[in-house]
Amino acid sequence: MSRRLTENQIAQIIHDFNDSESEGIEDTAQENILEERIQAATVFYGKNRFKWSKTPPHPSRTRQHNIIEERTGLKGPALSKNEMSPVETWELLLTDDIIQLIIFAKDWKIILT
């Protein structure tokens, strides 16, 4: 059994290698075209060819100063709202100080007009 290749076998190996290489080039060209189409589908282009992403950026970690630690809902005297009259509830919302500020601002508006 000879370890040498015949000229026909060498030619066949070269032919097969060239075919597989050209297929690889075609495959990468097709992959590049697909990637360009996918990228084009995920961005908008402005008038000056500026790229705008169609998807928002990934959310990041919530900063410590943006975390609310208090519970929502009624607090203080408003917790006993079932036992309060409508007038008492109104007084919780608008204290005497706030009512005085409203009257003062209204008076100034009347004076200026």
PDB file of N, CA and C in Angstrom:
ATOM      1  N   MET A   1       0.837  -1.171   0.000  1.00  0.00           N
ATOM      2  CA  MET A   1       0.000   0.000   0.000  1.00  0.00           C
ATOM      3  C   MET A   1       0.886   1.240   0.000  1.00  0.00           C
ATOM      4  N   SER A   2       0.717   2.074  -0.978  1.00  0.00           N
ATOM      5  CA  SER A   2       1.545   3.245  -1.162  1.00  0.00           C
ATOM      6  C   SER A   2       0.975   4.418  -0.370  1.00  0.00           C
ATOM      7  N   ARG A   3       1.857   5.194   0.230  1.00  0.00           N
ATOM      8  CA  ARG A   3       1.432   6.357   1.005  1.00  0.00           C
ATOM      9  C   ARG A   3       1.385   7.601   0.136  1.00  0.00           C
ATOM     10  N   ARG A   4       1.777   7.549  -1.058  1.00  0.00           N
ATOM     11  CA  ARG A   4       1.787   8.691  -1.953  1.00  0.00           C
ATOM     12  C   ARG A   4       0.436   8.827  -2.635  1.00  0.00           C
ATOM     13  N   LEU A   5       0.071  10.079  -2.878  1.00  0.00           N
ATOM     14  CA  LEU A   5      -1.188  10.364  -3.556  1.00  0.00           C
ATOM     15  C   LEU A   5      -0.945  10.506  -5.052  1.00  0.00           C
ATOM     16  N   THR A   6      -1.880  10.051  -5.813  1.00  0.00           N
ATOM     17  CA  THR A   6      -1.772  10.208  -7.261  1.00  0.00           C
ATOM     18  C   THR A   6      -2.160  11.632  -7.632  1.00  0.00           C
ATOM     19  N   GLU A   7      -1.864  12.016  -8.862  1.00  0.00           N
ATOM     20  CA  GLU A   7      -2.196  13.359  -9.326  1.00  0.00           C
ATOM     21  C   GLU A   7      -3.702  13.575  -9.321  1.00  0.00           C
ATOM     22  N   ASN A   8      -4.463  12.565  -9.649  1.00  0.00           N
ATOM     23  CA  ASN A   8      -5.922  12.679  -9.634  1.00  0.00           C
ATOM     24  C   ASN A   8      -6.438  12.913  -8.212  1.00  0.00           C
ATOM     25  N   GLN A   9      -5.849  12.202  -7.253  1.00  0.00           N
ATOM     26  CA  GLN A   9      -6.273  12.371  -5.858  1.00  0.00           C
ATOM     27  C   GLN A   9      -5.917  13.775  -5.357  1.00  0.00           C
ATOM     28  N   ILE A  10      -4.751  14.259  -5.729  1.00  0.00           N
ATOM     29  CA  ILE A  10      -4.336  15.608  -5.324  1.00  0.00           C
ATOM     30  C   ILE A  10      -5.265  16.643  -5.953  1.00  0.00           C
ATOM     31  N   ALA A  11      -5.586  16.473  -7.219  1.00  0.00           N
ATOM     32  CA  ALA A  11      -6.487  17.397  -7.902  1.00  0.00           C
ATOM     33  C   ALA A  11      -7.870  17.381  -7.249  1.00  0.00           C
ATOM     34  N   GLN A  12      -8.325  16.183  -6.880  1.00  0.00           N
ATOM     35  CA  GLN A  12      -9.633  16.067  -6.225  1.00  0.00           C
ATOM     36  C   GLN A  12      -9.619  16.772  -4.865  1.00  0.00           C
ATOM     37  N   ILE A  13      -8.562  16.624  -4.101  1.00  0.00           N
ATOM     38  CA  ILE A  13      -8.451  17.268  -2.782  1.00  0.00           C
ATOM     39  C   ILE A  13      -8.441  18.791  -2.947  1.00  0.00           C
ATOM     40  N   ILE A  14      -7.687  19.294  -3.923  1.00  0.00           N
ATOM     41  CA  ILE A  14      -7.637  20.740  -4.168  1.00  0.00           C
ATOM     42  C   ILE A  14      -9.007  21.250  -4.594  1.00  0.00           C
ATOM     43  N   HIS A  15      -9.668  20.511  -5.455  1.00  0.00           N
ATOM     44  CA  HIS A  15     -11.001  20.898  -5.922  1.00  0.00           C
ATOM     45  C   HIS A  15     -11.979  20.953  -4.753  1.00  0.00           C
ATOM     46  N   ASP A  16     -11.952  19.910  -3.910  1.00  0.00           N
ATOM     47  CA  ASP A  16     -12.847  19.877  -2.743  1.00  0.00           C
ATOM     48  C   ASP A  16     -12.546  21.030  -1.790  1.00  0.00           C
ATOM     49  N   PHE A  17     -11.247  21.329  -1.598  1.00  0.00           N
ATOM     50  CA  PHE A  17     -10.866  22.413  -0.701  1.00  0.00           C
ATOM     51  C   PHE A  17     -11.359  23.756  -1.235  1.00  0.00           C
ATOM     52  N   ASN A  18     -11.206  23.993  -2.528  1.00  0.00           N
ATOM     53  CA  ASN A  18     -11.666  25.243  -3.132  1.00  0.00           C
ATOM     54  C   ASN A  18     -13.183  25.378  -3.046  1.00  0.00           C
ATOM     55  N   ASP A  19     -13.893  24.276  -3.245  1.00  0.00           N
ATOM     56  CA  ASP A  19     -15.356  24.311  -3.134  1.00  0.00           C
ATOM     57  C   ASP A  19     -15.790  24.663  -1.722  1.00  0.00           C
ATOM     58  N   SER A  20     -15.171  24.019  -0.730  1.00  0.00           N
ATOM     59  CA  SER A  20     -15.565  24.289   0.657  1.00  0.00           C
ATOM     60  C   SER A  20     -15.179  25.706   1.056  1.00  0.00           C
ATOM     61  N   GLU A  21     -14.044  26.202   0.532  1.00  0.00           N
ATOM     62  CA  GLU A  21     -13.618  27.561   0.845  1.00  0.00           C
ATOM     63  C   GLU A  21     -14.579  28.580   0.245  1.00  0.00           C
ATOM     64  N   SER A  22     -15.010  28.352  -0.992  1.00  0.00           N
ATOM     65  CA  SER A  22     -15.940  29.286  -1.619  1.00  0.00           C
ATOM     66  C   SER A  22     -17.296  29.239  -0.924  1.00  0.00           C
ATOM     67  N   GLU A  23     -17.706  28.063  -0.449  1.00  0.00           N
ATOM     68  CA  GLU A  23     -18.952  27.970   0.314  1.00  0.00           C
ATOM     69  C   GLU A  23     -18.831  28.755   1.611  1.00  0.00           C
ATOM     70  N   GLY A  24     -17.655  28.689   2.242  1.00  0.00           N
ATOM     71  CA  GLY A  24     -17.431  29.440   3.470  1.00  0.00           C
ATOM     72  C   GLY A  24     -17.512  30.934   3.236  1.00  0.00           C
ATOM     73  N   ILE A  25     -16.974  31.388   2.101  1.00  0.00           N
ATOM     74  CA  ILE A  25     -17.035  32.809   1.760  1.00  0.00           C
ATOM     75  C   ILE A  25     -18.475  33.218   1.507  1.00  0.00           C
ATOM     76  N   GLU A  26     -19.216  32.376   0.780  1.00  0.00           N
ATOM     77  CA  GLU A  26     -20.622  32.675   0.517  1.00  0.00           C
ATOM     78  C   GLU A  26     -21.420  32.699   1.816  1.00  0.00           C
ATOM     79  N   ASP A  27     -21.120  31.739   2.712  1.00  0.00           N
ATOM     80  CA  ASP A  27     -21.829  31.694   3.990  1.00  0.00           C
ATOM     81  C   ASP A  27     -21.569  32.957   4.804  1.00  0.00           C
ATOM     82  N   THR A  28     -20.308  33.398   4.859  1.00  0.00           N
ATOM     83  CA  THR A  28     -20.013  34.605   5.634  1.00  0.00           C
ATOM     84  C   THR A  28     -20.635  35.829   4.978  1.00  0.00           C
ATOM     85  N   ALA A  29     -20.683  35.858   3.646  1.00  0.00           N
ATOM     86  CA  ALA A  29     -21.323  36.982   2.958  1.00  0.00           C
ATOM     87  C   ALA A  29     -22.813  37.011   3.279  1.00  0.00           C
ATOM     88  N   GLN A  30     -23.449  35.836   3.276  1.00  0.00           N
ATOM     89  CA  GLN A  30     -24.871  35.765   3.611  1.00  0.00           C
ATOM     90  C   GLN A  30     -25.097  36.155   5.068  1.00  0.00           C
ATOM     91  N   GLU A  31     -24.195  35.726   5.953  1.00  0.00           N
ATOM     92  CA  GLU A  31     -24.320  36.090   7.366  1.00  0.00           C
ATOM     93  C   GLU A  31     -24.194  37.602   7.537  1.00  0.00           C
ATOM     94  N   ASN A  32     -23.264  38.221   6.809  1.00  0.00           N
ATOM     95  CA  ASN A  32     -23.095  39.674   6.890  1.00  0.00           C
ATOM     96  C   ASN A  32     -24.344  40.397   6.416  1.00  0.00           C
ATOM     97  N   ILE A  33     -24.942  39.909   5.334  1.00  0.00           N
ATOM     98  CA  ILE A  33     -26.167  40.521   4.820  1.00  0.00           C
ATOM     99  C   ILE A  33     -27.286  40.391   5.843  1.00  0.00           C
ATOM    100  N   LEU A  34     -27.403  39.201   6.460  1.00  0.00           N
ATOM    101  CA  LEU A  34     -28.439  39.000   7.477  1.00  0.00           C
ATOM    102  C   LEU A  34     -28.219  39.914   8.675  1.00  0.00           C
ATOM    103  N   GLU A  35     -26.968  40.047   9.114  1.00  0.00           N
ATOM    104  CA  GLU A  35     -26.670  40.920  10.250  1.00  0.00           C
ATOM    105  C   GLU A  35     -27.020  42.373   9.930  1.00  0.00           C
ATOM    106  N   GLU A  36     -26.730  42.815   8.704  1.00  0.00           N
ATOM    107  CA  GLU A  36     -27.064  44.181   8.311  1.00  0.00           C
ATOM    108  C   GLU A  36     -28.574  44.390   8.307  1.00  0.00           C
ATOM    109  N   ARG A  37     -29.313  43.396   7.827  1.00  0.00           N
ATOM    110  CA  ARG A  37     -30.769  43.514   7.817  1.00  0.00           C
ATOM    111  C   ARG A  37     -31.331  43.532   9.228  1.00  0.00           C
ATOM    112  N   ILE A  38     -30.786  42.690  10.100  1.00  0.00           N
ATOM    113  CA  ILE A  38     -31.250  42.665  11.489  1.00  0.00           C
ATOM    114  C   ILE A  38     -30.933  43.996  12.154  1.00  0.00           C
ATOM    115  N   GLN A  39     -29.723  44.511  11.925  1.00  0.00           N
ATOM    116  CA  GLN A  39     -29.352  45.794  12.519  1.00  0.00           C
ATOM    117  C   GLN A  39     -30.233  46.908  11.969  1.00  0.00           C
ATOM    118  N   ALA A  40     -30.528  46.871  10.685  1.00  0.00           N
ATOM    119  CA  ALA A  40     -31.380  47.900  10.088  1.00  0.00           C
ATOM    120  C   ALA A  40     -32.784  47.835  10.656  1.00  0.00           C
ATOM    121  N   ALA A  41     -33.219  46.660  11.070  1.00  0.00           N
ATOM    122  CA  ALA A  41     -34.560  46.516  11.623  1.00  0.00           C
ATOM    123  C   ALA A  41     -34.623  46.999  13.068  1.00  0.00           C
ATOM    124  N   THR A  42     -33.485  47.162  13.740  1.00  0.00           N
ATOM    125  CA  THR A  42     -33.498  47.550  15.146  1.00  0.00           C
ATOM    126  C   THR A  42     -33.149  49.015  15.367  1.00  0.00           C
ATOM    127  N   VAL A  43     -32.866  49.758  14.295  1.00  0.00           N
ATOM    128  CA  VAL A  43     -32.517  51.170  14.457  1.00  0.00           C
ATOM    129  C   VAL A  43     -33.267  52.024  13.445  1.00  0.00           C
ATOM    130  N   PHE A  44     -33.434  53.294  13.805  1.00  0.00           N
ATOM    131  CA  PHE A  44     -33.941  54.307  12.888  1.00  0.00           C
ATOM    132  C   PHE A  44     -32.754  55.172  12.482  1.00  0.00           C
ATOM    133  N   TYR A  45     -32.796  55.721  11.290  1.00  0.00           N
ATOM    134  CA  TYR A  45     -31.754  56.642  10.854  1.00  0.00           C
ATOM    135  C   TYR A  45     -32.355  58.025  10.687  1.00  0.00           C
ATOM    136  N   GLY A  46     -31.696  59.029  11.265  1.00  0.00           N
ATOM    137  CA  GLY A  46     -32.143  60.399  11.132  1.00  0.00           C
ATOM    138  C   GLY A  46     -31.696  60.991   9.803  1.00  0.00           C
ATOM    139  N   LYS A  47     -32.029  62.271   9.586  1.00  0.00           N
ATOM    140  CA  LYS A  47     -31.658  62.936   8.335  1.00  0.00           C
ATOM    141  C   LYS A  47     -30.146  62.994   8.155  1.00  0.00           C
ATOM    142  N   ASN A  48     -29.426  63.136   9.251  1.00  0.00           N
ATOM    143  CA  ASN A  48     -27.971  63.212   9.169  1.00  0.00           C
ATOM    144  C   ASN A  48     -27.317  61.848   9.402  1.00  0.00           C
ATOM    145  N   ARG A  49     -28.070  60.778   9.168  1.00  0.00           N
ATOM    146  CA  ARG A  49     -27.617  59.389   9.316  1.00  0.00           C
ATOM    147  C   ARG A  49     -27.259  59.036  10.758  1.00  0.00           C
ATOM    148  N   PHE A  50     -27.816  59.765  11.715  1.00  0.00           N
ATOM    149  CA  PHE A  50     -27.635  59.432  13.125  1.00  0.00           C
ATOM    150  C   PHE A  50     -28.503  58.225  13.442  1.00  0.00           C
ATOM    151  N   LYS A  51     -27.946  57.236  14.128  1.00  0.00           N
ATOM    152  CA  LYS A  51     -28.695  56.017  14.424  1.00  0.00           C
ATOM    153  C   LYS A  51     -29.443  56.164  15.746  1.00  0.00           C
ATOM    154  N   TRP A  52     -30.745  55.859  15.729  1.00  0.00           N
ATOM    155  CA  TRP A  52     -31.578  55.862  16.918  1.00  0.00           C
ATOM    156  C   TRP A  52     -32.051  54.436  17.146  1.00  0.00           C
ATOM    157  N   SER A  53     -31.875  53.918  18.333  1.00  0.00           N
ATOM    158  CA  SER A  53     -32.285  52.553  18.639  1.00  0.00           C
ATOM    159  C   SER A  53     -33.795  52.483  18.792  1.00  0.00           C
ATOM    160  N   LYS A  54     -34.392  51.399  18.285  1.00  0.00           N
ATOM    161  CA  LYS A  54     -35.835  51.207  18.420  1.00  0.00           C
ATOM    162  C   LYS A  54     -36.196  50.655  19.790  1.00  0.00           C
ATOM    163  N   THR A  55     -35.242  50.059  20.468  1.00  0.00           N
ATOM    164  CA  THR A  55     -35.507  49.492  21.786  1.00  0.00           C
ATOM    165  C   THR A  55     -34.883  50.386  22.844  1.00  0.00           C
ATOM    166  N   PRO A  56     -35.576  50.581  23.969  1.00  0.00           N
ATOM    167  CA  PRO A  56     -35.004  51.416  25.028  1.00  0.00           C
ATOM    168  C   PRO A  56     -33.805  50.722  25.670  1.00  0.00           C
ATOM    169  N   PRO A  57     -32.928  51.493  26.302  1.00  0.00           N
ATOM    170  CA  PRO A  57     -31.783  50.870  26.963  1.00  0.00           C
ATOM    171  C   PRO A  57     -32.234  50.002  28.127  1.00  0.00           C
ATOM    172  N   HIS A  58     -31.388  49.064  28.477  1.00  0.00           N
ATOM    173  CA  HIS A  58     -31.725  48.174  29.577  1.00  0.00           C
ATOM    174  C   HIS A  58     -31.780  48.961  30.887  1.00  0.00           C
ATOM    175  N   PRO A  59     -32.768  48.655  31.719  1.00  0.00           N
ATOM    176  CA  PRO A  59     -32.843  49.368  32.996  1.00  0.00           C
ATOM    177  C   PRO A  59     -31.639  49.020  33.866  1.00  0.00           C
ATOM    178  N   SER A  60     -31.196  50.001  34.600  1.00  0.00           N
ATOM    179  CA  SER A  60     -30.048  49.774  35.466  1.00  0.00           C
ATOM    180  C   SER A  60     -30.512  49.706  36.914  1.00  0.00           C
ATOM    181  N   ARG A  61     -29.574  49.594  37.778  1.00  0.00           N
ATOM    182  CA  ARG A  61     -29.856  49.495  39.200  1.00  0.00           C
ATOM    183  C   ARG A  61     -30.520  50.782  39.682  1.00  0.00           C
ATOM    184  N   THR A  62     -31.532  50.657  40.555  1.00  0.00           N
ATOM    185  CA  THR A  62     -32.198  51.820  41.130  1.00  0.00           C
ATOM    186  C   THR A  62     -31.275  52.442  42.171  1.00  0.00           C
ATOM    187  N   ARG A  63     -31.016  53.721  42.024  1.00  0.00           N
ATOM    188  CA  ARG A  63     -30.120  54.391  42.963  1.00  0.00           C
ATOM    189  C   ARG A  63     -30.763  54.477  44.347  1.00  0.00           C
ATOM    190  N   GLN A  64     -29.935  54.532  45.357  1.00  0.00           N
ATOM    191  CA  GLN A  64     -30.393  54.502  46.741  1.00  0.00           C
ATOM    192  C   GLN A  64     -31.314  55.672  47.056  1.00  0.00           C
ATOM    193  N   HIS A  65     -31.026  56.862  46.532  1.00  0.00           N
ATOM    194  CA  HIS A  65     -31.849  58.024  46.870  1.00  0.00           C
ATOM    195  C   HIS A  65     -33.217  57.977  46.183  1.00  0.00           C
ATOM    196  N   ASN A  66     -33.429  57.058  45.248  1.00  0.00           N
ATOM    197  CA  ASN A  66     -34.723  56.935  44.586  1.00  0.00           C
ATOM    198  C   ASN A  66     -35.610  55.861  45.209  1.00  0.00           C
ATOM    199  N   ILE A  67     -35.123  55.183  46.214  1.00  0.00           N
ATOM    200  CA  ILE A  67     -35.897  54.123  46.851  1.00  0.00           C
ATOM    201  C   ILE A  67     -36.761  54.740  47.946  1.00  0.00           C
ATOM    202  N   ILE A  68     -38.074  54.516  47.866  1.00  0.00           N
ATOM    203  CA  ILE A  68     -39.014  55.047  48.858  1.00  0.00           C
ATOM    204  C   ILE A  68     -39.211  53.986  49.933  1.00  0.00           C
ATOM    205  N   GLU A  69     -38.934  54.366  51.171  1.00  0.00           N
ATOM    206  CA  GLU A  69     -39.022  53.402  52.256  1.00  0.00           C
ATOM    207  C   GLU A  69     -40.287  53.569  53.089  1.00  0.00           C
ATOM    208  N   GLU A  70     -41.013  54.682  52.903  1.00  0.00           N
ATOM    209  CA  GLU A  70     -42.239  54.888  53.667  1.00  0.00           C
ATOM    210  C   GLU A  70     -43.387  54.140  53.016  1.00  0.00           C
ATOM    211  N   ARG A  71     -44.312  53.711  53.832  1.00  0.00           N
ATOM    212  CA  ARG A  71     -45.493  53.036  53.304  1.00  0.00           C
ATOM    213  C   ARG A  71     -46.514  54.077  52.869  1.00  0.00           C
ATOM    214  N   THR A  72     -47.228  53.759  51.805  1.00  0.00           N
ATOM    215  CA  THR A  72     -48.260  54.669  51.339  1.00  0.00           C
ATOM    216  C   THR A  72     -49.528  54.453  52.143  1.00  0.00           C
ATOM    217  N   GLY A  73     -50.392  55.418  52.076  1.00  0.00           N
ATOM    218  CA  GLY A  73     -51.668  55.295  52.769  1.00  0.00           C
ATOM    219  C   GLY A  73     -51.850  56.387  53.798  1.00  0.00           C
ATOM    220  N   LEU A  74     -52.863  56.220  54.599  1.00  0.00           N
ATOM    221  CA  LEU A  74     -53.196  57.218  55.611  1.00  0.00           C
ATOM    222  C   LEU A  74     -52.189  57.192  56.743  1.00  0.00           C
ATOM    223  N   LYS A  75     -51.956  58.394  57.320  1.00  0.00           N
ATOM    224  CA  LYS A  75     -51.011  58.523  58.422  1.00  0.00           C
ATOM    225  C   LYS A  75     -51.604  59.426  59.481  1.00  0.00           C
ATOM    226  N   GLY A  76     -51.133  59.286  60.662  1.00  0.00           N
ATOM    227  CA  GLY A  76     -51.529  60.157  61.764  1.00  0.00           C
ATOM    228  C   GLY A  76     -53.016  60.141  62.046  1.00  0.00           C
ATOM    229  N   PRO A  77     -53.614  61.346  62.235  1.00  0.00           N
ATOM    230  CA  PRO A  77     -55.033  61.423  62.592  1.00  0.00           C
ATOM    231  C   PRO A  77     -55.964  60.908  61.495  1.00  0.00           C
ATOM    232  N   ALA A  78     -55.493  60.852  60.268  1.00  0.00           N
ATOM    233  CA  ALA A  78     -56.352  60.389  59.175  1.00  0.00           C
ATOM    234  C   ALA A  78     -56.643  58.895  59.275  1.00  0.00           C
ATOM    235  N   LEU A  79     -55.884  58.175  60.093  1.00  0.00           N
ATOM    236  CA  LEU A  79     -56.143  56.745  60.255  1.00  0.00           C
ATOM    237  C   LEU A  79     -57.504  56.492  60.891  1.00  0.00           C
ATOM    238  N   SER A  80     -57.967  57.441  61.686  1.00  0.00           N
ATOM    239  CA  SER A  80     -59.268  57.275  62.340  1.00  0.00           C
ATOM    240  C   SER A  80     -60.359  57.957  61.527  1.00  0.00           C
ATOM    241  N   LYS A  81     -60.276  57.879  60.205  1.00  0.00           N
ATOM    242  CA  LYS A  81     -61.197  58.610  59.332  1.00  0.00           C
ATOM    243  C   LYS A  81     -62.639  58.149  59.476  1.00  0.00           C
ATOM    244  N   ASN A  82     -62.863  56.915  59.855  1.00  0.00           N
ATOM    245  CA  ASN A  82     -64.238  56.435  59.990  1.00  0.00           C
ATOM    246  C   ASN A  82     -64.957  57.112  61.153  1.00  0.00           C
ATOM    247  N   GLU A  83     -64.200  57.601  62.114  1.00  0.00           N
ATOM    248  CA  GLU A  83     -64.792  58.234  63.286  1.00  0.00           C
ATOM    249  C   GLU A  83     -64.882  59.746  63.128  1.00  0.00           C
ATOM    250  N   MET A  84     -64.435  60.282  61.988  1.00  0.00           N
ATOM    251  CA  MET A  84     -64.384  61.731  61.812  1.00  0.00           C
ATOM    252  C   MET A  84     -65.545  62.213  60.957  1.00  0.00           C
ATOM    253  N   SER A  85     -65.967  63.447  61.247  1.00  0.00           N
ATOM    254  CA  SER A  85     -67.012  64.074  60.438  1.00  0.00           C
ATOM    255  C   SER A  85     -66.366  64.657  59.176  1.00  0.00           C
ATOM    256  N   PRO A  86     -67.158  65.006  58.171  1.00  0.00           N
ATOM    257  CA  PRO A  86     -66.582  65.623  56.963  1.00  0.00           C
ATOM    258  C   PRO A  86     -65.834  66.921  57.257  1.00  0.00           C
ATOM    259  N   VAL A  87     -66.306  67.700  58.209  1.00  0.00           N
ATOM    260  CA  VAL A  87     -65.629  68.962  58.551  1.00  0.00           C
ATOM    261  C   VAL A  87     -64.259  68.671  59.147  1.00  0.00           C
ATOM    262  N   GLU A  88     -64.175  67.691  60.020  1.00  0.00           N
ATOM    263  CA  GLU A  88     -62.887  67.334  60.625  1.00  0.00           C
ATOM    264  C   GLU A  88     -61.911  66.808  59.562  1.00  0.00           C
ATOM    265  N   THR A  89     -62.424  66.059  58.607  1.00  0.00           N
ATOM    266  CA  THR A  89     -61.574  65.568  57.520  1.00  0.00           C
ATOM    267  C   THR A  89     -61.055  66.731  56.685  1.00  0.00           C
ATOM    268  N   TRP A  90     -61.937  67.708  56.396  1.00  0.00           N
ATOM    269  CA  TRP A  90     -61.541  68.892  55.646  1.00  0.00           C
ATOM    270  C   TRP A  90     -60.466  69.673  56.389  1.00  0.00           C
ATOM    271  N   GLU A  91     -60.597  69.774  57.702  1.00  0.00           N
ATOM    272  CA  GLU A  91     -59.612  70.502  58.502  1.00  0.00           C
ATOM    273  C   GLU A  91     -58.256  69.800  58.500  1.00  0.00           C
ATOM    274  N   LEU A  92     -58.253  68.475  58.315  1.00  0.00           N
ATOM    275  CA  LEU A  92     -56.974  67.777  58.199  1.00  0.00           C
ATOM    276  C   LEU A  92     -56.270  68.139  56.890  1.00  0.00           C
ATOM    277  N   LEU A  93     -57.060  68.304  55.829  1.00  0.00           N
ATOM    278  CA  LEU A  93     -56.472  68.624  54.526  1.00  0.00           C
ATOM    279  C   LEU A  93     -56.030  70.079  54.443  1.00  0.00           C
ATOM    280  N   LEU A  94     -56.883  70.993  54.873  1.00  0.00           N
ATOM    281  CA  LEU A  94     -56.577  72.418  54.811  1.00  0.00           C
ATOM    282  C   LEU A  94     -56.519  72.981  56.225  1.00  0.00           C
ATOM    283  N   THR A  95     -55.311  73.165  56.715  1.00  0.00           N
ATOM    284  CA  THR A  95     -55.145  73.722  58.059  1.00  0.00           C
ATOM    285  C   THR A  95     -55.443  75.217  58.018  1.00  0.00           C
ATOM    286  N   ASP A  96     -55.525  75.833  59.194  1.00  0.00           N
ATOM    287  CA  ASP A  96     -55.798  77.270  59.279  1.00  0.00           C
ATOM    288  C   ASP A  96     -54.702  78.087  58.590  1.00  0.00           C
ATOM    289  N   ASP A  97     -53.460  77.630  58.680  1.00  0.00           N
ATOM    290  CA  ASP A  97     -52.357  78.346  58.024  1.00  0.00           C
ATOM    291  C   ASP A  97     -52.535  78.359  56.505  1.00  0.00           C
ATOM    292  N   ILE A  98     -52.927  77.234  55.943  1.00  0.00           N
ATOM    293  CA  ILE A  98     -53.119  77.156  54.492  1.00  0.00           C
ATOM    294  C   ILE A  98     -54.290  78.034  54.067  1.00  0.00           C
ATOM    295  N   ILE A  99     -55.357  78.033  54.825  1.00  0.00           N
ATOM    296  CA  ILE A  99     -56.521  78.867  54.502  1.00  0.00           C
ATOM    297  C   ILE A  99     -56.139  80.342  54.551  1.00  0.00           C
ATOM    298  N   GLN A 100     -55.325  80.753  55.537  1.00  0.00           N
ATOM    299  CA  GLN A 100     -54.871  82.140  55.626  1.00  0.00           C
ATOM    300  C   GLN A 100     -54.019  82.521  54.414  1.00  0.00           C
ATOM    301  N   LEU A 101     -53.159  81.600  53.956  1.00  0.00           N
ATOM    302  CA  LEU A 101     -52.352  81.878  52.766  1.00  0.00           C
ATOM    303  C   LEU A 101     -53.223  82.046  51.525  1.00  0.00           C
ATOM    304  N   ILE A 102     -54.257  81.231  51.392  1.00  0.00           N
ATOM    305  CA  ILE A 102     -55.169  81.332  50.248  1.00  0.00           C
ATOM    306  C   ILE A 102     -55.891  82.675  50.272  1.00  0.00           C
ATOM    307  N   ILE A 103     -56.378  83.073  51.437  1.00  0.00           N
ATOM    308  CA  ILE A 103     -57.094  84.348  51.564  1.00  0.00           C
ATOM    309  C   ILE A 103     -56.157  85.517  51.265  1.00  0.00           C
ATOM    310  N   PHE A 104     -54.927  85.462  51.789  1.00  0.00           N
ATOM    311  CA  PHE A 104     -53.944  86.517  51.561  1.00  0.00           C
ATOM    312  C   PHE A 104     -53.632  86.651  50.069  1.00  0.00           C
ATOM    313  N   ALA A 105     -53.420  85.516  49.388  1.00  0.00           N
ATOM    314  CA  ALA A 105     -53.119  85.552  47.954  1.00  0.00           C
ATOM    315  C   ALA A 105     -54.312  86.070  47.163  1.00  0.00           C
ATOM    316  N   LYS A 106     -55.510  85.691  47.553  1.00  0.00           N
ATOM    317  CA  LYS A 106     -56.719  86.156  46.859  1.00  0.00           C
ATOM    318  C   LYS A 106     -56.880  87.664  47.049  1.00  0.00           C
ATOM    319  N   ASP A 107     -56.607  88.160  48.274  1.00  0.00           N
ATOM    320  CA  ASP A 107     -56.697  89.597  48.532  1.00  0.00           C
ATOM    321  C   ASP A 107     -55.712  90.368  47.658  1.00  0.00           C
ATOM    322  N   TRP A 108     -54.488  89.880  47.538  1.00  0.00           N
ATOM    323  CA  TRP A 108     -53.499  90.548  46.706  1.00  0.00           C
ATOM    324  C   TRP A 108     -53.930  90.557  45.244  1.00  0.00           C
ATOM    325  N   LYS A 109     -54.536  89.474  44.803  1.00  0.00           N
ATOM    326  CA  LYS A 109     -54.998  89.421  43.417  1.00  0.00           C
ATOM    327  C   LYS A 109     -56.107  90.447  43.181  1.00  0.00           C
ATOM    328  N   ILE A 110     -56.987  90.602  44.169  1.00  0.00           N
ATOM    329  CA  ILE A 110     -58.073  91.582  44.054  1.00  0.00           C
ATOM    330  C   ILE A 110     -57.502  92.994  44.042  1.00  0.00           C
ATOM    331  N   ILE A 111     -56.495  93.248  44.889  1.00  0.00           N
ATOM    332  CA  ILE A 111     -55.893  94.580  44.967  1.00  0.00           C
ATOM    333  C   ILE A 111     -55.179  94.923  43.661  1.00  0.00           C
ATOM    334  N   LEU A 112     -54.484  93.954  43.065  1.00  0.00           N
ATOM    335  CA  LEU A 112     -53.709  94.213  41.851  1.00  0.00           C
ATOM    336  C   LEU A 112     -54.578  94.379  40.613  1.00  0.00           C
ATOM    337  N   THR A 113     -55.805  93.907  40.632  1.00  0.00           N
ATOM    338  CA  THR A 113     -56.649  94.034  39.435  1.00  0.00           C
ATOM    339  C   THR A 113     -57.537  95.230  39.476  1.00  0.00           C
TER     340      THR A 113
END
